[in-house]
Amino acid sequence: MAEIASYRPSFSDLATESILSLPKRRVMDRAYELARYPFLESDYRLVDANGRTIDHLLVDGVVFSYWVDHPAKLVMITEIEDAE
């Protein structure tokens, strides 16, 4: 039986800058967890300037803003903010 391809995280420039300023291991671990569970219910959703629905999830004091491309199995993380 063929293995089902898993989702992978991808990061915008803004999210990458946040990764560099926050505890990297904690942020990256949470990002990969989010990619493992792309159907997880987010805390809230907002529509961006381009009309795309952006999910927001608070995990371990960090807010991840992201959208999911299911056909490409990609979780695009657009922003990462320290909630503290």
C-alpha atoms as a PDB file:
ATOM      1  CA  MET A   1       0.000   0.000   0.000  1.00  0.00           C
ATOM      2  CA  ALA A   2       1.351   3.429  -0.929  1.00  0.00           C
ATOM      3  CA  GLU A   3       1.999   5.845   1.906  1.00  0.00           C
ATOM      4  CA  ILE A   4      -0.160   8.966   1.898  1.00  0.00           C
ATOM      5  CA  ALA A   5       1.915  12.095   1.438  1.00  0.00           C
ATOM      6  CA  SER A   6       1.852  14.322   4.486  1.00  0.00           C
ATOM      7  CA  TYR A   7       1.290  18.051   4.603  1.00  0.00           C
ATOM      8  CA  ARG A   8       4.305  20.313   4.967  1.00  0.00           C
ATOM      9  CA  PRO A   9       4.665  23.812   6.378  1.00  0.00           C
ATOM     10  CA  SER A  10       5.796  26.738   4.262  1.00  0.00           C
ATOM     11  CA  PHE A  11       6.655  30.169   5.631  1.00  0.00           C
ATOM     12  CA  SER A  12       6.156  33.691   4.318  1.00  0.00           C
ATOM     13  CA  ASP A  13       8.949  36.253   4.704  1.00  0.00           C
ATOM     14  CA  LEU A  14       7.103  37.822   7.648  1.00  0.00           C
ATOM     15  CA  ALA A  15       6.717  34.450   9.385  1.00  0.00           C
ATOM     16  CA  THR A  16      10.404  33.681   8.806  1.00  0.00           C
ATOM     17  CA  GLU A  17      11.412  36.931  10.492  1.00  0.00           C
ATOM     18  CA  SER A  18       9.310  35.952  13.516  1.00  0.00           C
ATOM     19  CA  ILE A  19      10.946  32.529  13.678  1.00  0.00           C
ATOM     20  CA  LEU A  20      14.311  34.238  13.963  1.00  0.00           C
ATOM     21  CA  SER A  21      13.155  36.405  16.880  1.00  0.00           C
ATOM     22  CA  LEU A  22      11.268  33.744  18.901  1.00  0.00           C
ATOM     23  CA  PRO A  23      12.480  30.507  20.504  1.00  0.00           C
ATOM     24  CA  LYS A  24      13.134  28.604  17.271  1.00  0.00           C
ATOM     25  CA  ARG A  25      12.727  25.021  18.466  1.00  0.00           C
ATOM     26  CA  ARG A  26       9.370  25.728  20.106  1.00  0.00           C
ATOM     27  CA  VAL A  27       8.046  27.612  17.072  1.00  0.00           C
ATOM     28  CA  MET A  28       9.269  25.048  14.537  1.00  0.00           C
ATOM     29  CA  ASP A  29       7.906  22.126  16.561  1.00  0.00           C
ATOM     30  CA  ARG A  30       4.480  23.787  16.653  1.00  0.00           C
ATOM     31  CA  ALA A  31       4.635  24.601  12.915  1.00  0.00           C
ATOM     32  CA  TYR A  32       5.304  20.959  12.048  1.00  0.00           C
ATOM     33  CA  GLU A  33       2.507  19.851  14.375  1.00  0.00           C
ATOM     34  CA  LEU A  34       0.157  22.223  12.565  1.00  0.00           C
ATOM     35  CA  ALA A  35       1.206  20.649   9.254  1.00  0.00           C
ATOM     36  CA  ARG A  36       0.514  17.175  10.690  1.00  0.00           C
ATOM     37  CA  TYR A  37      -3.027  18.223  11.635  1.00  0.00           C
ATOM     38  CA  PRO A  38      -4.172  20.621   8.869  1.00  0.00           C
ATOM     39  CA  PHE A  39      -7.869  19.973   9.594  1.00  0.00           C
ATOM     40  CA  LEU A  40      -7.542  21.238  13.182  1.00  0.00           C
ATOM     41  CA  GLU A  41     -10.152  23.853  14.050  1.00  0.00           C
ATOM     42  CA  SER A  42      -8.507  27.255  14.400  1.00  0.00           C
ATOM     43  CA  ASP A  43      -9.319  29.769  17.136  1.00  0.00           C
ATOM     44  CA  TYR A  44     -10.588  32.369  14.659  1.00  0.00           C
ATOM     45  CA  ARG A  45     -10.555  33.363  10.993  1.00  0.00           C
ATOM     46  CA  LEU A  46     -10.051  36.677   9.231  1.00  0.00           C
ATOM     47  CA  VAL A  47     -10.064  37.611   5.559  1.00  0.00           C
ATOM     48  CA  ASP A  48      -6.857  39.218   4.263  1.00  0.00           C
ATOM     49  CA  ALA A  49      -6.533  42.072   1.733  1.00  0.00           C
ATOM     50  CA  ASN A  50      -6.569  39.538  -1.120  1.00  0.00           C
ATOM     51  CA  GLY A  51      -9.837  37.957   0.030  1.00  0.00           C
ATOM     52  CA  ARG A  52      -8.164  34.783   1.337  1.00  0.00           C
ATOM     53  CA  THR A  53      -9.457  33.336   4.615  1.00  0.00           C
ATOM     54  CA  ILE A  54      -6.610  33.189   7.128  1.00  0.00           C
ATOM     55  CA  ASP A  55      -6.915  30.887  10.135  1.00  0.00           C
ATOM     56  CA  HIS A  56      -5.350  31.898  13.449  1.00  0.00           C
ATOM     57  CA  LEU A  57      -4.334  29.396  16.100  1.00  0.00           C
ATOM     58  CA  LEU A  58      -2.879  30.120  19.550  1.00  0.00           C
ATOM     59  CA  VAL A  59      -0.396  27.427  20.616  1.00  0.00           C
ATOM     60  CA  ASP A  60       2.050  27.688  23.539  1.00  0.00           C
ATOM     61  CA  GLY A  61       1.815  31.489  23.656  1.00  0.00           C
ATOM     62  CA  VAL A  62       2.335  31.886  19.897  1.00  0.00           C
ATOM     63  CA  VAL A  63      -0.328  32.837  17.332  1.00  0.00           C
ATOM     64  CA  PHE A  64       0.076  31.150  13.955  1.00  0.00           C
ATOM     65  CA  SER A  65      -1.717  32.783  11.008  1.00  0.00           C
ATOM     66  CA  TYR A  66      -2.045  30.382   8.082  1.00  0.00           C
ATOM     67  CA  TRP A  67      -4.053  29.013   5.206  1.00  0.00           C
ATOM     68  CA  VAL A  68      -4.124  25.448   3.896  1.00  0.00           C
ATOM     69  CA  ASP A  69      -3.772  24.357   0.271  1.00  0.00           C
ATOM     70  CA  HIS A  70      -5.206  20.832   0.461  1.00  0.00           C
ATOM     71  CA  PRO A  71      -4.441  19.760  -3.145  1.00  0.00           C
ATOM     72  CA  ALA A  72      -0.776  20.752  -2.664  1.00  0.00           C
ATOM     73  CA  LYS A  73      -0.770  19.430   0.957  1.00  0.00           C
ATOM     74  CA  LEU A  74       0.741  22.710   2.093  1.00  0.00           C
ATOM     75  CA  VAL A  75       0.146  24.738   5.253  1.00  0.00           C
ATOM     76  CA  MET A  76       1.213  28.301   4.379  1.00  0.00           C
ATOM     77  CA  ILE A  77       2.127  30.108   7.590  1.00  0.00           C
ATOM     78  CA  THR A  78       1.828  33.809   6.905  1.00  0.00           C
ATOM     79  CA  GLU A  79       2.565  35.248  10.346  1.00  0.00           C
ATOM     80  CA  ILE A  80       3.864  34.077  13.705  1.00  0.00           C
ATOM     81  CA  GLU A  81       3.336  36.378  16.670  1.00  0.00           C
ATOM     82  CA  ASP A  82       4.267  36.090  20.303  1.00  0.00           C
ATOM     83  CA  ALA A  83       0.955  36.350  22.189  1.00  0.00           C
ATOM     84  CA  GLU A  84       2.613  37.261  25.478  1.00  0.00           C
END
